[in-house]
Protein backbone atom coordinates (compact mmCIF):
# COMPACT_ATOMS: atom_id res chain seq x y z
CA ASP A 1 -72.12 17.20 -94.29
CA LEU A 2 -71.79 20.28 -96.54
CA HIS A 3 -69.07 21.40 -99.22
CA ILE A 4 -69.05 24.41 -101.72
CA SER A 5 -66.68 23.93 -104.25
CA ASN A 6 -64.58 26.48 -106.12
CA SER A 7 -66.87 26.68 -108.78
CA GLY A 8 -69.73 26.94 -106.52
CA ASN A 9 -71.00 23.45 -106.88
CA ILE A 10 -73.09 22.35 -103.41
CA TYR A 11 -72.21 18.68 -102.22
CA LEU A 12 -74.45 17.44 -99.63
CA SER A 13 -74.96 14.31 -97.33
CA GLY A 14 -77.11 13.08 -94.73
CA SER A 15 -80.06 11.12 -93.47
CA PHE A 16 -83.67 10.83 -94.14
CA THR A 17 -86.76 9.08 -93.25
CA SER A 18 -89.62 7.93 -95.48
CA ARG A 19 -88.76 10.32 -98.43
CA ILE A 20 -86.68 13.26 -99.92
CA TYR A 21 -86.95 15.01 -102.99
CA PHE A 22 -84.25 16.70 -105.03
CA ASP A 23 -86.12 18.53 -108.10
CA GLY A 24 -87.28 15.65 -109.61
CA ILE A 25 -85.55 13.26 -107.67
CA THR A 26 -87.38 11.38 -105.23
CA LEU A 27 -85.48 9.06 -102.51
CA SER A 28 -87.40 6.95 -100.35
CA THR A 29 -86.87 4.33 -97.27
CA LEU A 30 -87.46 0.83 -97.01
CA PRO A 31 -90.84 0.13 -94.74
CA LEU A 32 -89.85 0.02 -91.19
CA THR A 33 -86.60 1.49 -91.56
CA THR A 34 -85.26 4.26 -89.22
CA SER A 35 -83.32 6.38 -91.81
CA ASP A 36 -81.08 5.77 -94.89
CA PRO A 37 -78.72 8.14 -96.05
CA PHE A 38 -78.01 10.04 -99.31
CA ILE A 39 -75.79 12.14 -101.27
CA ALA A 40 -76.64 14.77 -103.53
CA LYS A 41 -74.71 17.52 -106.23
CA LEU A 42 -76.74 20.94 -106.43
CA ASP A 43 -75.12 23.52 -108.99
CA THR A 44 -74.54 27.42 -107.98
CA ASP A 45 -78.55 27.80 -108.26
CA GLY A 46 -79.06 24.93 -105.73
CA LYS A 47 -80.77 22.91 -108.46
CA VAL A 48 -79.80 19.06 -108.03
CA ILE A 49 -77.60 17.64 -110.48
CA TRP A 50 -77.93 14.39 -109.47
CA ALA A 51 -78.60 12.57 -105.83
CA LYS A 52 -78.40 8.95 -104.80
CA MET A 53 -78.63 6.43 -101.89
CA PRO A 54 -75.03 4.79 -101.29
CA GLY A 55 -76.64 2.14 -99.52
CA ARG A 56 -79.66 0.53 -97.54
CA GLY A 57 -79.65 -0.85 -93.99
CA HIS A 58 -82.49 -1.03 -91.41
CA GLY A 59 -81.11 1.97 -89.59
CA PRO A 60 -80.09 4.32 -88.18
CA ASP A 61 -78.24 4.81 -91.29
CA ALA A 62 -76.20 8.17 -92.69
CA VAL A 63 -73.30 9.58 -94.44
CA PRO A 64 -71.18 11.43 -91.97
CA GLN A 65 -68.62 12.53 -93.58
CA LEU A 66 -68.42 13.71 -97.54
CA THR A 67 -65.99 15.52 -99.82
CA TYR A 68 -64.66 16.06 -103.29
CA ASP A 69 -61.08 16.12 -104.79
CA GLU A 70 -60.43 18.31 -108.42
CA LYS A 71 -60.12 15.19 -110.23
CA GLY A 72 -63.91 14.74 -110.66
CA HIS A 73 -64.47 12.42 -107.53
CA VAL A 74 -66.58 12.75 -104.74
CA TYR A 75 -65.84 10.39 -101.50
CA ALA A 76 -68.80 9.75 -98.76
CA VAL A 77 -68.22 7.34 -95.80
CA THR A 78 -71.63 5.69 -95.23
CA HIS A 79 -72.52 4.16 -92.38
CA LEU A 80 -75.10 1.25 -92.67
CA MET A 81 -76.84 -0.69 -89.61
CA GLY A 82 -79.16 -3.86 -89.08
CA ALA A 83 -79.43 -7.24 -90.42
CA GLU A 84 -80.16 -6.20 -94.05
CA VAL A 85 -77.00 -4.21 -95.10
CA TYR A 86 -76.98 -3.36 -99.01
CA ILE A 87 -74.03 -1.46 -100.77
CA GLU A 88 -75.19 -0.82 -103.84
CA GLY A 89 -77.48 -3.97 -104.00
CA GLU A 90 -74.72 -5.66 -103.00
CA GLN A 91 -75.41 -7.52 -99.45
CA GLN A 92 -72.75 -7.25 -96.76
CA GLU A 93 -72.21 -9.58 -94.04
CA ASN A 94 -72.50 -7.16 -91.01
CA PRO A 95 -73.24 -3.70 -90.25
CA VAL A 96 -70.40 -1.41 -91.74
CA PHE A 97 -68.56 1.65 -92.32
CA PHE A 98 -67.57 2.16 -96.22
CA LEU A 99 -65.54 4.23 -98.13
CA GLY A 100 -67.30 5.13 -101.64
CA LYS A 101 -65.72 6.74 -104.86
CA TYR A 102 -68.14 8.48 -107.07
CA ASN A 103 -68.17 10.24 -110.25
CA ASP A 104 -68.53 13.77 -110.11
CA ASN A 105 -70.72 14.02 -112.96
CA ASP A 106 -73.39 11.65 -112.41
CA GLY A 107 -73.01 10.27 -108.76
CA SER A 108 -72.28 6.74 -110.42
CA LEU A 109 -69.90 4.73 -108.05
CA ILE A 110 -66.58 4.17 -109.06
CA ALA A 111 -65.82 1.59 -106.44
CA TYR A 112 -65.99 1.36 -102.75
CA ARG A 113 -64.09 -0.53 -99.91
CA LEU A 114 -65.21 -1.41 -95.85
CA ILE A 115 -63.56 0.59 -93.62
CA THR A 116 -65.19 -1.35 -90.65
CA ASN A 117 -67.01 -4.74 -90.44
CA ALA A 118 -68.22 -5.08 -87.00
CA LEU A 119 -71.21 -7.09 -85.17
CA PHE A 120 -71.45 -4.37 -82.45
CA PRO A 121 -70.41 -0.78 -84.13
CA SER A 122 -72.19 1.41 -81.76
CA PHE A 123 -69.04 2.71 -80.75
CA GLU A 124 -67.64 3.69 -84.14
CA GLU A 125 -67.89 6.87 -85.16
CA MET A 126 -66.00 8.91 -88.34
CA HIS A 127 -64.84 12.24 -87.30
CA ASP A 128 -63.18 13.61 -90.59
CA LEU A 129 -62.69 12.84 -94.26
CA ARG A 130 -60.00 14.79 -96.42
CA THR A 131 -58.67 14.20 -99.97
CA GLY A 132 -54.97 15.60 -100.92
CA ASP A 133 -53.63 17.11 -103.98
CA ASN A 134 -51.79 13.44 -103.95
CA GLY A 135 -55.07 11.72 -104.74
CA LYS A 136 -54.95 9.98 -101.06
CA ILE A 137 -57.75 10.04 -98.91
CA TYR A 138 -57.77 10.88 -94.82
CA ILE A 139 -59.87 9.89 -92.61
CA THR A 140 -60.09 9.89 -88.34
CA ALA A 141 -62.32 7.50 -86.62
CA ASP A 142 -63.25 5.78 -83.76
CA LEU A 143 -62.61 2.08 -84.68
CA ASN A 144 -64.39 -1.49 -83.41
CA ASN A 145 -63.09 -3.56 -86.02
CA LEU A 146 -60.84 -2.12 -88.66
CA TYR A 147 -61.79 -3.77 -92.41
CA LEU A 148 -58.17 -5.23 -93.97
CA GLU A 149 -57.96 -6.35 -97.31
CA PRO A 150 -55.76 -9.43 -98.23
CA GLY A 151 -52.52 -8.24 -97.87
CA GLU A 152 -52.94 -4.94 -96.29
CA VAL A 153 -51.12 -4.89 -92.49
CA VAL A 154 -51.55 -2.49 -89.97
CA GLU A 155 -48.12 -1.94 -87.47
CA SER A 156 -50.25 -0.82 -84.70
CA GLN A 157 -53.15 -1.71 -82.54
CA VAL A 158 -56.00 0.46 -83.93
CA ASN A 159 -58.85 -1.34 -82.74
CA TYR A 160 -60.62 -0.23 -79.89
CA ASN A 161 -58.78 3.13 -80.43
CA THR A 162 -59.05 6.30 -82.27
CA ALA A 163 -57.00 6.27 -85.31
CA ALA A 164 -55.98 7.85 -88.43
CA LEU A 165 -56.21 6.24 -91.71
CA VAL A 166 -54.72 6.76 -95.27
CA TYR A 167 -56.24 5.26 -98.29
CA ASN A 168 -54.61 6.01 -101.64
CA GLU A 169 -56.69 6.77 -104.92
CA ASN A 170 -56.99 2.79 -105.50
CA LEU A 171 -58.83 2.80 -101.76
CA THR A 172 -56.04 0.66 -100.82
CA LEU A 173 -55.31 1.05 -96.95
CA ASP A 174 -51.63 3.15 -96.75
CA PHE A 175 -51.73 2.93 -93.18
CA ALA A 176 -53.28 3.26 -90.03
CA LEU A 177 -51.96 4.51 -86.78
CA ALA A 178 -53.70 5.08 -83.57
CA LYS A 179 -53.76 7.95 -81.55
CA GLY A 180 -54.37 5.78 -77.91
CA TYR A 181 -57.39 6.93 -76.84
CA GLU A 182 -60.46 4.34 -75.57
CA LEU A 183 -63.58 4.88 -77.79
CA GLY A 184 -66.49 7.16 -76.45
CA PHE A 185 -63.81 9.71 -74.87
CA VAL A 186 -62.69 11.46 -77.94
CA PRO A 187 -65.30 15.00 -78.43
CA GLY A 188 -64.25 15.07 -82.23
CA MET A 189 -60.97 14.94 -83.91
CA PRO A 190 -60.91 17.18 -87.13
CA ILE A 191 -57.97 17.12 -89.31
CA LEU A 192 -56.10 20.51 -88.81
CA TRP A 193 -53.22 19.62 -91.37
CA PHE A 194 -52.03 16.91 -93.50
CA ASN A 195 -49.27 16.59 -96.08
CA ASN A 196 -48.65 13.00 -97.91
CA ASP A 197 -48.60 10.38 -94.41
CA ASP A 198 -48.61 13.02 -91.68
CA PHE A 199 -51.66 14.59 -89.98
CA ILE A 200 -51.81 17.07 -87.33
CA PHE A 201 -55.13 16.83 -85.15
CA PRO A 202 -56.17 18.19 -81.48
CA GLU A 203 -55.02 16.27 -78.62
CA TYR A 204 -57.32 16.36 -75.47
CA GLY A 205 -56.65 15.60 -71.63
CA ASN A 206 -56.56 17.51 -68.65
CA ASP A 207 -59.07 19.78 -69.14
CA GLN A 208 -56.86 21.38 -72.19
CA MET A 209 -56.12 20.59 -76.20
CA ASP A 210 -52.61 20.35 -77.42
CA LEU A 211 -51.71 19.62 -80.97
CA LEU A 212 -50.80 16.15 -81.72
CA ARG A 213 -48.73 14.91 -85.05
CA ILE A 214 -48.98 11.56 -86.27
CA GLY A 215 -47.50 9.63 -89.11
CA LYS A 216 -45.58 6.64 -90.89
CA ARG A 217 -42.65 8.95 -89.26
CA GLY A 218 -43.94 8.82 -86.12
CA LYS A 219 -45.95 10.43 -83.48
CA PHE A 220 -45.38 13.16 -81.27
CA THR A 221 -47.09 15.75 -79.05
CA PHE A 222 -46.07 19.59 -79.86
CA ASP A 223 -44.09 21.34 -77.82
CA GLN A 224 -46.38 24.91 -77.23
CA LYS A 225 -42.78 26.51 -77.95
CA ASP A 226 -43.21 24.62 -81.03
CA VAL A 227 -46.59 25.31 -81.64
CA LYS A 228 -46.32 29.42 -81.22
CA SER A 229 -43.27 29.42 -83.39
CA ASN A 230 -44.50 27.20 -86.47
CA ILE A 231 -48.43 27.23 -86.34
CA LYS A 232 -50.50 30.02 -86.78
CA ILE A 233 -54.29 30.59 -85.94
CA TYR A 234 -56.95 32.31 -86.80
CA ASP A 235 -60.16 33.00 -86.25
CA GLU A 236 -63.53 33.30 -88.65
CA MET A 237 -62.75 37.06 -89.28
CA GLY A 238 -59.10 36.24 -90.34
CA CYS A 239 -57.77 37.59 -87.28
CA ARG A 240 -54.57 35.51 -85.75
CA LEU A 241 -55.24 33.70 -82.30
CA GLU A 242 -52.90 33.51 -79.87
CA GLN A 243 -52.94 29.97 -77.93
CA THR A 244 -51.46 28.28 -74.48
CA ASN A 245 -52.86 24.68 -74.26
CA PHE A 246 -55.50 26.06 -76.87
CA ASP A 247 -57.05 28.29 -74.52
CA VAL A 248 -57.50 30.43 -77.13
CA MET A 249 -57.62 34.08 -76.76
CA ARG A 250 -57.21 37.03 -79.42
CA GLU A 251 -53.43 37.06 -80.16
CA VAL A 252 -50.93 40.03 -79.17
CA PRO A 253 -49.41 41.53 -81.75
CA GLN A 254 -45.51 41.84 -81.92
CA THR A 255 -44.20 44.79 -79.81
CA PRO A 256 -42.51 46.65 -82.42
CA THR A 257 -39.13 48.37 -82.21
CA ILE A 258 -38.19 52.22 -82.29
CA CYS A 259 -35.23 52.31 -85.24
CA ALA A 260 -34.31 56.22 -84.46
CA ILE A 261 -35.55 59.66 -83.47
CA THR A 262 -34.25 62.71 -85.16
CA ASN A 263 -35.41 66.26 -85.92
CA ASN A 264 -38.44 66.72 -89.04
CA PRO A 265 -36.72 66.76 -91.97
CA SER A 266 -39.99 68.95 -93.19
CA GLY A 267 -40.57 71.56 -90.51
CA ALA A 268 -41.01 71.54 -86.63
CA GLY A 269 -41.06 68.50 -84.13
CA ASN A 270 -39.20 64.95 -83.97
CA TYR A 271 -39.04 62.75 -86.71
CA ILE A 272 -39.87 58.87 -85.56
CA THR A 273 -39.04 55.75 -87.30
CA TRP A 274 -39.55 52.26 -86.43
CA GLN A 275 -38.83 48.60 -87.67
CA LEU A 276 -42.17 47.08 -88.61
CA ALA A 277 -43.82 44.30 -86.59
CA GLU A 278 -45.38 40.79 -88.30
CA ASP A 279 -49.03 40.99 -88.93
CA ALA A 280 -49.37 44.70 -87.15
CA GLU A 281 -51.99 46.78 -89.28
CA ALA A 282 -51.53 50.16 -87.52
CA TYR A 283 -48.83 51.62 -84.60
CA TYR A 284 -49.70 53.87 -81.80
CA VAL A 285 -46.98 56.45 -80.65
CA TYR A 286 -46.57 57.78 -77.00
CA ALA A 287 -45.01 60.22 -75.08
CA GLN A 288 -44.39 60.45 -71.58
CA ILE A 289 -46.04 63.24 -69.51
CA SER A 290 -45.08 62.15 -66.05
CA ASN A 291 -42.74 59.37 -64.47
CA GLN A 292 -44.50 56.57 -65.34
CA ASP A 293 -47.68 57.83 -67.24
CA TYR A 294 -47.50 58.00 -71.38
CA ILE A 295 -50.12 59.73 -73.76
CA ARG A 296 -50.88 58.68 -76.97
CA LEU A 297 -50.29 61.37 -79.48
CA GLY A 298 -51.43 59.78 -82.71
CA SER A 299 -51.12 56.71 -85.22
CA ASN A 300 -49.74 55.46 -88.75
CA THR A 301 -49.86 52.67 -90.79
CA ASP A 302 -46.61 53.33 -92.17
CA ASN A 303 -43.26 53.17 -89.78
CA TYR A 304 -43.25 56.76 -89.30
CA PHE A 305 -44.38 59.43 -87.22
CA VAL A 306 -44.42 63.04 -86.93
CA HIS A 307 -44.67 64.79 -83.61
CA SER A 308 -44.92 67.91 -85.15
CA ASP A 309 -45.88 69.92 -81.37
CA ALA A 310 -42.51 68.49 -79.93
CA GLU A 311 -41.13 71.62 -78.34
CA ASN A 312 -37.29 70.98 -79.18
CA ASP A 313 -35.99 74.62 -78.18
CA LYS A 314 -37.19 73.73 -74.33
CA ARG A 315 -37.31 70.42 -73.71
CA THR A 316 -36.54 66.56 -74.82
CA TYR A 317 -39.44 63.95 -75.33
CA ARG A 318 -39.34 59.98 -74.23
CA TYR A 319 -41.32 58.25 -76.62
CA LYS A 320 -42.84 54.56 -77.14
CA ILE A 321 -44.88 52.97 -79.57
CA THR A 322 -47.01 50.01 -79.80
CA SER A 323 -48.52 47.84 -82.75
CA VAL A 324 -52.31 46.97 -83.49
CA SER A 325 -53.86 43.73 -85.04
CA CYS A 326 -57.75 43.09 -84.90
CA GLY A 327 -57.69 45.61 -82.17
CA VAL A 328 -55.65 43.92 -80.11
CA GLU A 329 -52.71 46.12 -79.04
CA SER A 330 -49.30 45.13 -78.13
CA GLU A 331 -47.11 45.72 -75.25
CA LEU A 332 -45.20 49.60 -74.78
CA SER A 333 -41.53 49.07 -76.90
CA ASP A 334 -38.84 50.43 -74.81
CA PHE A 335 -38.55 54.14 -74.99
CA HIS A 336 -36.15 56.34 -76.96
CA SER A 337 -35.44 59.88 -76.71
CA PRO A 338 -33.51 62.18 -78.68
CA ILE A 339 -30.21 64.59 -78.08
CA HIS A 340 -31.40 67.80 -76.91
CA LEU A 341 -28.65 71.18 -77.35
CA THR A 342 -28.87 73.94 -75.49
CA VAL A 343 -26.53 77.18 -75.65
CA ASN A 344 -25.42 79.75 -73.31
CA GLN A 345 -23.06 82.68 -73.48
CA GLY A 346 -20.10 82.31 -71.26
CA LEU A 347 -17.07 84.47 -70.54
CA ASP A 348 -14.79 86.47 -72.69
CA ASN A 349 -17.05 85.38 -75.63
CA ASN A 350 -16.95 81.88 -75.18
CA ILE A 351 -19.96 79.53 -76.19
CA ASN A 352 -21.03 77.11 -73.85
CA LEU A 353 -22.79 73.97 -75.06
CA ILE A 354 -24.73 71.58 -72.55
CA TRP A 355 -26.62 68.51 -74.25
CA GLN A 356 -29.04 65.64 -73.01
CA GLN A 357 -27.69 62.08 -74.72
CA TYR A 358 -29.47 60.15 -77.00
CA GLU A 359 -31.60 57.30 -74.77
CA GLY A 360 -32.27 54.21 -76.79
CA ILE A 361 -29.15 53.20 -78.51
CA ASP A 362 -25.52 52.39 -77.92
CA TYR A 363 -22.76 54.79 -79.23
CA ASN A 364 -19.45 55.41 -78.86
CA ASN A 365 -19.10 59.01 -79.62
CA LEU A 366 -20.87 61.82 -81.63
CA THR A 367 -19.69 64.79 -83.49
CA LEU A 368 -20.80 68.68 -82.92
CA TYR A 369 -21.03 70.98 -85.51
CA ARG A 370 -21.30 74.60 -86.05
CA GLY A 371 -21.59 77.01 -88.79
CA THR A 372 -22.92 80.31 -90.46
CA SER A 373 -26.20 78.58 -91.49
CA PRO A 374 -27.91 75.35 -91.31
CA ASP A 375 -26.79 74.24 -94.34
CA ASN A 376 -22.86 75.49 -94.02
CA MET A 377 -21.88 73.61 -90.86
CA GLU A 378 -18.22 72.46 -90.08
CA GLU A 379 -17.01 69.61 -87.92
CA LEU A 380 -15.90 71.17 -84.29
CA ALA A 381 -15.37 68.44 -82.35
CA VAL A 382 -15.68 64.47 -82.07
CA LEU A 383 -16.46 63.61 -78.38
CA PRO A 384 -16.92 60.39 -76.23
CA ASP A 385 -20.37 59.24 -75.28
CA TYR A 386 -19.84 60.29 -71.62
CA VAL A 387 -19.81 64.01 -72.37
CA THR A 388 -22.19 66.26 -72.25
CA SER A 389 -20.97 69.67 -72.36
CA TYR A 390 -18.64 71.32 -74.62
CA THR A 391 -17.20 75.15 -74.82
CA ASP A 392 -16.37 76.62 -78.02
CA THR A 393 -13.44 79.23 -77.51
CA GLU A 394 -12.81 80.09 -80.94
CA ALA A 395 -16.44 81.32 -81.89
CA THR A 396 -16.61 84.38 -84.37
CA GLU A 397 -19.63 86.60 -84.75
CA ALA A 398 -20.65 84.81 -87.91
CA THR A 399 -20.89 81.08 -85.73
CA LEU A 400 -24.88 81.41 -85.55
CA TYR A 401 -25.54 77.49 -85.17
CA TYR A 402 -24.75 74.29 -83.63
CA GLN A 403 -25.92 70.70 -83.71
CA LEU A 404 -24.55 67.22 -82.73
CA ARG A 405 -24.77 64.06 -84.87
CA LEU A 406 -24.58 60.46 -83.74
CA PRO A 407 -23.49 58.15 -86.27
CA PHE A 408 -26.28 55.66 -87.01
CA LYS A 409 -28.53 53.68 -89.41
CA CYS A 410 -31.74 52.17 -89.37
CA SER A 411 -31.64 48.71 -90.68
CA GLY A 412 -34.71 46.74 -91.67
CA ILE A 413 -37.03 49.42 -92.85
CA ASP A 414 -38.99 49.74 -95.68
CA GLU A 415 -39.65 52.36 -98.39
CA ALA A 416 -42.15 54.44 -95.89
CA SER A 417 -39.08 55.81 -94.06
CA LYS A 418 -36.61 56.37 -97.20
CA LEU A 419 -37.56 60.31 -96.20
CA ALA A 420 -36.08 59.76 -92.75
CA ASN A 421 -33.38 57.41 -94.24
CA GLY A 422 -32.72 60.59 -96.52
CA ARG A 423 -32.77 62.72 -93.36
CA LEU A 424 -30.09 60.64 -91.63
CA SER A 425 -27.73 60.59 -94.14
CA GLY A 426 -27.44 63.92 -95.30
CA GLN A 427 -29.03 66.88 -93.49
CA SER A 428 -26.86 69.50 -95.36
CA GLU A 429 -25.06 69.47 -98.85
CA THR A 430 -21.71 69.25 -96.52
CA LEU A 431 -22.38 65.70 -95.44
CA GLU A 432 -23.76 64.18 -98.41
CA GLY A 433 -22.55 60.97 -98.73
CA GLU A 434 -21.07 60.28 -95.54
CA GLU A 435 -21.87 58.18 -92.57
CA SER A 436 -25.63 58.11 -91.45
CA TYR A 437 -26.69 59.70 -88.51
CA LEU A 438 -29.18 61.14 -86.11
CA ALA A 439 -29.36 64.87 -85.24
CA SER A 440 -29.95 66.77 -82.45
CA ASN A 441 -32.05 70.11 -82.31
CA ILE A 442 -30.17 73.35 -84.14
CA ALA A 443 -29.36 75.66 -81.36
CA VAL A 444 -29.15 79.11 -82.73
CA ARG A 445 -26.98 81.50 -81.50
CA TYR A 446 -28.71 85.09 -82.63
CA GLY A 447 -25.81 87.57 -82.05
CA GLN A 448 -22.86 88.13 -79.90
CA LEU A 449 -23.63 88.30 -76.10
CA ALA A 450 -27.37 88.28 -77.28
CA ASP A 451 -30.14 85.64 -76.08
CA PHE A 452 -29.79 82.72 -77.18
CA ASN A 453 -32.54 80.23 -78.42
CA THR A 454 -33.00 76.84 -80.01
CA TYR A 455 -35.28 75.78 -83.14
CA PRO A 456 -35.57 72.72 -85.13
CA ASN A 457 -34.76 72.64 -88.46
């Protein structure tokens, strides 16, 4: 085993035959011994601070698990086999797994206790060893004969099972609970999470892996819904993973939601804003080019995008967006399409207005404005949502501009969309302080009985 502390010190354990050298320290096995165990601490430059043999047997002996805490202790689980077994010179009756607590400064033994004590320990195996901030030691193991000190009680059958063990800082057994597997059928049981007297482990079966939580409060397997909503899994690059029965694949990021589309407040085109998606690194914006096909327009790491090439004087657009995380793109969002307003000259100097409704949000009404300039417009009519045309019978020669405004406010958007919120909440001086809205293009009348056109403001 190997661990590197936050300060850069290296803790190393394993086994060796004949001799092993740590700078000026030499450790040697007994004659006819298969292998003996060792533990060592090295500094940040790889120079040995201390090295020792925690015990001796006639092998094969080893230290399969090692860890440390921030209180100046090193913990090691050592496996000693053979007819004669010694822990720091003290002979044991049988082959053993034992837990040792050592001084971090010099490696001296503070205390030890037996974990197992069996004549035939060949089926026993230690899977993982952890320490908590609460001073407790957490172990997972295949057990043949769990060793109990006087007064220690185990409520469930843990022998001949794979089990979880919790010891306190005095190396007294707090509790032991079996997972319920026969020995030899578990391909390893790393501790994924622990807190006080609860563990989370991988659970194997039916060619899949689930999560199992066990502890003093009981034992249960996580529902897949609970796993997805409460547990996040990442790969070595820090990228989020998705799991279905832990057949692991790169997780598809959350699909973002378009908030609103309005005219670009600082130039031509449409301004698109959306709500942020969890873990998203960037967002792609798409526009519809045929009945089923969308083309990518561009991307942004913030939650807005300007489609500056949108020809609002000619047509409307449908937009969808996606989020991207660790090179994986989400599903396309639902589409939004802004209001598109057109103007034409009618009979008796009437002005006919026709528009395509906003698609993507529900609304009850919208307001039609007219004015002598884009910054000087007055309310003409409040219309229900099903109306898509209107005739202005009282237009004067000075009436040149028309626009539709839809009451709406984006919620849950961050600082990046303040520009859009400013646009939504006050396009003209005459509307400052009024309700937020989405705006259509401004339809322009260039002269009485002249051609009509539209332009984005």
